C-alpha atoms as a PDB file:
ATOM      1  CA  MET A   1     -43.789  73.767 -47.985  1.00  0.00           C
ATOM      2  CA  LYS A   2     -42.872  75.882 -50.976  1.00  0.00           C
ATOM      3  CA  THR A   3     -43.200  75.797 -54.737  1.00  0.00           C
ATOM      4  CA  ILE A   4     -40.329  75.917 -57.219  1.00  0.00           C
ATOM      5  CA  LYS A   5     -41.180  79.543 -57.929  1.00  0.00           C
ATOM      6  CA  GLN A   6     -41.015  80.526 -54.246  1.00  0.00           C
ATOM      7  CA  ILE A   7     -37.692  78.734 -53.765  1.00  0.00           C
ATOM      8  CA  SER A   8     -36.188  80.264 -56.910  1.00  0.00           C
ATOM      9  CA  GLU A   9     -37.266  83.764 -55.866  1.00  0.00           C
ATOM     10  CA  GLU A  10     -35.694  83.344 -52.434  1.00  0.00           C
ATOM     11  CA  ILE A  11     -32.294  82.373 -53.823  1.00  0.00           C
ATOM     12  CA  GLY A  12     -32.420  84.604 -56.906  1.00  0.00           C
ATOM     13  CA  ILE A  13     -32.120  81.810 -59.453  1.00  0.00           C
ATOM     14  CA  PRO A  14     -34.462  81.348 -62.444  1.00  0.00           C
ATOM     15  CA  LYS A  15     -37.094  78.746 -61.691  1.00  0.00           C
ATOM     16  CA  GLN A  16     -36.098  76.821 -64.842  1.00  0.00           C
ATOM     17  CA  ARG A  17     -32.655  76.132 -63.309  1.00  0.00           C
ATOM     18  CA  VAL A  18     -34.202  75.069 -60.008  1.00  0.00           C
ATOM     19  CA  TYR A  19     -36.587  72.788 -61.902  1.00  0.00           C
ATOM     20  CA  ARG A  20     -33.704  71.219 -63.865  1.00  0.00           C
ATOM     21  CA  TYR A  21     -31.749  70.627 -60.643  1.00  0.00           C
ATOM     22  CA  ILE A  22     -34.778  68.946 -59.046  1.00  0.00           C
ATOM     23  CA  LYS A  23     -35.293  66.660 -62.048  1.00  0.00           C
ATOM     24  CA  LYS A  24     -31.583  65.859 -62.367  1.00  0.00           C
ATOM     25  CA  HIS A  25     -31.298  64.860 -58.702  1.00  0.00           C
ATOM     26  CA  HIS A  26     -34.671  63.068 -58.588  1.00  0.00           C
ATOM     27  CA  ILE A  27     -36.062  65.170 -55.747  1.00  0.00           C
ATOM     28  CA  SER A  28     -39.674  64.181 -55.243  1.00  0.00           C
ATOM     29  CA  ASP A  29     -42.362  66.651 -54.357  1.00  0.00           C
ATOM     30  CA  ALA A  30     -44.125  66.361 -51.022  1.00  0.00           C
ATOM     31  CA  HIS A  31     -47.499  67.388 -52.413  1.00  0.00           C
ATOM     32  CA  HIS A  32     -48.916  67.850 -55.909  1.00  0.00           C
ATOM     33  CA  ASP A  33     -51.962  70.081 -56.292  1.00  0.00           C
ATOM     34  CA  ALA A  34     -53.481  71.178 -59.612  1.00  0.00           C
ATOM     35  CA  GLY A  35     -50.160  71.002 -61.446  1.00  0.00           C
ATOM     36  CA  VAL A  36     -48.252  72.833 -58.726  1.00  0.00           C
ATOM     37  CA  MET A  37     -45.516  70.853 -57.007  1.00  0.00           C
ATOM     38  CA  TRP A  38     -44.903  71.620 -53.343  1.00  0.00           C
ATOM     39  CA  TYR A  39     -41.584  70.700 -51.737  1.00  0.00           C
ATOM     40  CA  ASP A  40     -40.989  70.094 -48.047  1.00  0.00           C
ATOM     41  CA  GLU A  41     -38.381  71.814 -45.909  1.00  0.00           C
ATOM     42  CA  ALA A  42     -35.735  69.124 -46.417  1.00  0.00           C
ATOM     43  CA  ALA A  43     -35.945  69.412 -50.216  1.00  0.00           C
ATOM     44  CA  GLU A  44     -35.904  73.196 -49.975  1.00  0.00           C
ATOM     45  CA  VAL A  45     -32.780  73.127 -47.805  1.00  0.00           C
ATOM     46  CA  MET A  46     -31.026  70.751 -50.198  1.00  0.00           C
ATOM     47  CA  ILE A  47     -31.860  72.944 -53.206  1.00  0.00           C
ATOM     48  CA  LYS A  48     -30.749  76.124 -51.461  1.00  0.00           C
ATOM     49  CA  GLN A  49     -27.513  74.562 -50.260  1.00  0.00           C
ATOM     50  CA  TYR A  50     -26.649  73.413 -53.763  1.00  0.00           C
ATOM     51  CA  PHE A  51     -27.182  76.828 -55.303  1.00  0.00           C
ATOM     52  CA  MET A  52     -25.479  78.647 -52.425  1.00  0.00           C
ATOM     53  CA  LYS A  53     -22.356  76.439 -52.618  1.00  0.00           C
ATOM     54  CA  SER A  54     -22.085  76.166 -56.382  1.00  0.00           C
ATOM     55  CA  ASP A  55     -20.798  78.669 -58.854  1.00  0.00           C
ATOM     56  CA  HIS A  56     -24.224  79.060 -60.405  1.00  0.00           C
ATOM     57  CA  ILE A  57     -24.571  82.558 -58.987  1.00  0.00           C
ATOM     58  CA  SER A  58     -23.187  85.239 -61.263  1.00  0.00           C
ATOM     59  CA  ASP A  59     -19.542  86.309 -60.950  1.00  0.00           C
ATOM     60  CA  ALA A  60     -20.568  89.953 -60.664  1.00  0.00           C
ATOM     61  CA  HIS A  61     -22.623  89.167 -57.619  1.00  0.00           C
ATOM     62  CA  HIS A  62     -19.596  87.442 -56.069  1.00  0.00           C
ATOM     63  CA  ASP A  63     -17.252  90.333 -56.790  1.00  0.00           C
ATOM     64  CA  VAL A  64     -19.524  93.016 -55.329  1.00  0.00           C
ATOM     65  CA  HIS A  65     -20.959  91.146 -52.379  1.00  0.00           C
ATOM     66  CA  GLN A  66     -18.381  88.447 -51.746  1.00  0.00           C
ATOM     67  CA  THR A  67     -17.818  89.150 -48.076  1.00  0.00           C
ATOM     68  CA  ALA A  68     -21.458  89.874 -47.316  1.00  0.00           C
ATOM     69  CA  SER A  69     -22.693  86.875 -49.266  1.00  0.00           C
ATOM     70  CA  ASN A  70     -20.194  84.560 -47.570  1.00  0.00           C
ATOM     71  CA  ASP A  71     -21.421  85.647 -44.170  1.00  0.00           C
ATOM     72  CA  ALA A  72     -25.043  85.495 -45.283  1.00  0.00           C
ATOM     73  CA  GLY A  73     -24.442  82.153 -47.009  1.00  0.00           C
ATOM     74  CA  GLU A  74     -22.869  80.677 -43.893  1.00  0.00           C
ATOM     75  CA  ALA A  75     -25.684  82.026 -41.719  1.00  0.00           C
ATOM     76  CA  HIS A  76     -28.261  80.713 -44.166  1.00  0.00           C
ATOM     77  CA  GLN A  77     -26.452  77.379 -44.350  1.00  0.00           C
ATOM     78  CA  ASN A  78     -26.344  77.142 -40.555  1.00  0.00           C
ATOM     79  CA  THR A  79     -30.028  78.005 -40.382  1.00  0.00           C
ATOM     80  CA  SER A  80     -30.764  75.409 -43.041  1.00  0.00           C
ATOM     81  CA  LEU A  81     -28.719  72.772 -41.250  1.00  0.00           C
ATOM     82  CA  ASP A  82     -30.442  73.596 -37.969  1.00  0.00           C
ATOM     83  CA  ALA A  83     -33.810  73.225 -39.689  1.00  0.00           C
ATOM     84  CA  VAL A  84     -32.807  69.851 -41.142  1.00  0.00           C
ATOM     85  CA  ILE A  85     -31.470  68.677 -37.772  1.00  0.00           C
ATOM     86  CA  LYS A  86     -34.649  69.787 -36.019  1.00  0.00           C
ATOM     87  CA  MET A  87     -36.796  68.020 -38.620  1.00  0.00           C
ATOM     88  CA  LEU A  88     -34.722  64.821 -38.353  1.00  0.00           C
ATOM     89  CA  GLN A  89     -34.925  64.904 -34.554  1.00  0.00           C
ATOM     90  CA  GLY A  90     -38.711  65.186 -34.817  1.00  0.00           C
ATOM     91  CA  GLU A  91     -38.840  62.223 -37.179  1.00  0.00           C
ATOM     92  CA  LEU A  92     -36.548  60.270 -34.863  1.00  0.00           C
ATOM     93  CA  GLU A  93     -38.897  60.891 -31.937  1.00  0.00           C
ATOM     94  CA  ILE A  94     -41.820  59.663 -34.035  1.00  0.00           C
ATOM     95  CA  LYS A  95     -39.887  56.513 -34.986  1.00  0.00           C
ATOM     96  CA  ASN A  96     -38.897  55.909 -31.351  1.00  0.00           C
ATOM     97  CA  GLU A  97     -42.554  56.141 -30.331  1.00  0.00           C
ATOM     98  CA  GLN A  98     -43.498  53.695 -33.094  1.00  0.00           C
ATOM     99  CA  ILE A  99     -40.819  51.286 -31.871  1.00  0.00           C
ATOM    100  CA  ARG A 100     -42.163  51.529 -28.301  1.00  0.00           C
ATOM    101  CA  GLU A 101     -45.687  50.809 -29.542  1.00  0.00           C
ATOM    102  CA  LEU A 102     -44.514  47.840 -31.624  1.00  0.00           C
ATOM    103  CA  ASN A 103     -42.560  46.428 -28.668  1.00  0.00           C
ATOM    104  CA  ALA A 104     -45.687  46.705 -26.507  1.00  0.00           C
ATOM    105  CA  ARG A 105     -47.726  44.889 -29.163  1.00  0.00           C
ATOM    106  CA  LEU A 106     -45.048  42.219 -29.463  1.00  0.00           C
ATOM    107  CA  SER A 107     -45.065  41.718 -25.712  1.00  0.00           C
ATOM    108  CA  GLU A 108     -48.871  41.370 -25.732  1.00  0.00           C
ATOM    109  CA  SER A 109     -48.689  38.871 -28.592  1.00  0.00           C
ATOM    110  CA  SER A 110     -46.022  36.849 -26.807  1.00  0.00           C
ATOM    111  CA  SER A 111     -48.133  36.733 -23.653  1.00  0.00           C
ATOM    112  CA  ALA A 112     -51.199  35.656 -25.611  1.00  0.00           C
ATOM    113  CA  LEU A 113     -49.171  32.962 -27.386  1.00  0.00           C
ATOM    114  CA  LEU A 114     -47.834  31.650 -24.068  1.00  0.00           C
ATOM    115  CA  ILE A 115     -51.353  31.478 -22.628  1.00  0.00           C
ATOM    116  CA  ALA A 116     -52.595  29.679 -25.752  1.00  0.00           C
ATOM    117  CA  GLN A 117     -49.738  27.157 -25.519  1.00  0.00           C
ATOM    118  CA  GLN A 118     -50.478  26.487 -21.855  1.00  0.00           C
ATOM    119  CA  SER A 119     -54.167  26.052 -22.632  1.00  0.00           C
ATOM    120  CA  LEU A 120     -53.343  23.642 -25.459  1.00  0.00           C
ATOM    121  CA  GLN A 121     -51.032  21.642 -23.210  1.00  0.00           C
ATOM    122  CA  ALA A 122     -53.722  21.403 -20.504  1.00  0.00           C
ATOM    123  CA  SER A 123     -56.264  20.356 -23.126  1.00  0.00           C
ATOM    124  CA  GLN A 124     -53.923  17.659 -24.426  1.00  0.00           C
ATOM    125  CA  LEU A 125     -53.324  16.338 -20.910  1.00  0.00           C
ATOM    126  CA  LEU A 126     -57.055  16.246 -20.240  1.00  0.00           C
ATOM    127  CA  HIS A 127     -57.694  14.467 -23.523  1.00  0.00           C
ATOM    128  CA  GLY A 128     -54.873  12.006 -22.803  1.00  0.00           C
ATOM    129  CA  GLY A 129     -56.367  11.295 -19.374  1.00  0.00           C
ATOM    130  CA  THR A 130     -59.782  10.731 -20.908  1.00  0.00           C
ATOM    131  CA  MET A 131     -58.360   8.366 -23.519  1.00  0.00           C
ATOM    132  CA  HIS A 132     -56.440   6.432 -20.848  1.00  0.00           C
ATOM    133  CA  LYS A 133     -59.608   6.079 -18.770  1.00  0.00           C
ATOM    134  CA  GLN A 134     -61.542   4.826 -21.805  1.00  0.00           C
ATOM    135  CA  LEU A 135     -58.854   2.238 -22.559  1.00  0.00           C
ATOM    136  CA  VAL A 136     -58.808   1.036 -18.955  1.00  0.00           C
ATOM    137  CA  ASP A 137     -62.620   0.854 -18.883  1.00  0.00           C
ATOM    138  CA  SER A 138     -62.610  -1.008 -22.212  1.00  0.00           C
ATOM    139  CA  ASP A 139     -60.100  -3.566 -20.875  1.00  0.00           C
ATOM    140  CA  LEU A 140     -62.216  -4.084 -17.729  1.00  0.00           C
ATOM    141  CA  ASN A 141     -65.388  -4.553 -19.807  1.00  0.00           C
ATOM    142  CA  THR A 142     -63.640  -7.090 -22.021  1.00  0.00           C
ATOM    143  CA  LYS A 143     -62.455  -9.086 -18.984  1.00  0.00           C
ATOM    144  CA  GLU A 144     -65.931  -8.973 -17.403  1.00  0.00           C
ATOM    145  CA  THR A 145     -67.527 -10.111 -20.656  1.00  0.00           C
ATOM    146  CA  ARG A 146     -65.123 -13.068 -20.917  1.00  0.00           C
ATOM    147  CA  GLN A 147     -65.756 -14.063 -17.329  1.00  0.00           C
ATOM    148  CA  LYS A 148     -69.529 -14.132 -17.959  1.00  0.00           C
ATOM    149  CA  GLU A 149     -69.182 -16.361 -21.027  1.00  0.00           C
ATOM    150  CA  GLY A 150     -70.189 -19.940 -20.551  1.00  0.00           C
ATOM    151  CA  PHE A 151     -68.043 -23.008 -20.930  1.00  0.00           C
ATOM    152  CA  PHE A 152     -69.221 -23.795 -24.480  1.00  0.00           C
ATOM    153  CA  GLN A 153     -68.882 -20.177 -25.621  1.00  0.00           C
ATOM    154  CA  LYS A 154     -65.266 -20.106 -24.551  1.00  0.00           C
ATOM    155  CA  ILE A 155     -64.538 -23.326 -26.424  1.00  0.00           C
ATOM    156  CA  PHE A 156     -66.262 -22.285 -29.619  1.00  0.00           C
ATOM    157  CA  ARG A 157     -64.817 -18.752 -29.494  1.00  0.00           C
ATOM    158  CA  LYS A 158     -61.325 -20.138 -29.287  1.00  0.00           C
ATOM    159  CA  LYS A 159     -61.908 -22.344 -32.320  1.00  0.00           C
ATOM    160  CA  ASN A 160     -63.190 -19.426 -34.369  1.00  0.00           C
ATOM    161  CA  ASN A 161     -60.242 -17.223 -33.425  1.00  0.00           C
END
């Protein structure tokens, strides 16, 4: 990670211009410490590429060192692109690992849900069996009670009902 001053010194541009470019393109700092903004490698590469490609470097510099700067610019650009690619590949690996972990968690959750559903179904069957048994027992008790009733009780019960 580098500061605006370090980046501007590396590319030979005043730090005010680098700062204006950062603000104009809404490049966020990676870390802010005691008023100093630190930028990560991706932001640094983007800033350097902009100033290397653009005509912001003085014409005199181009006239004197045009061939050398083109070769150096291309080498620097290739190095920058390689750095960005390497960083993106690292982030991709991290994301792939996160996806694997999330898939494992999802599989565990699905298994737990299936077990819970099976347990609930077994509980419902058991409860249904218990209720059926109670109803059958209740019907048997009612029939036994009616059979034990006397002749007069049956007659008077029927009149009341």
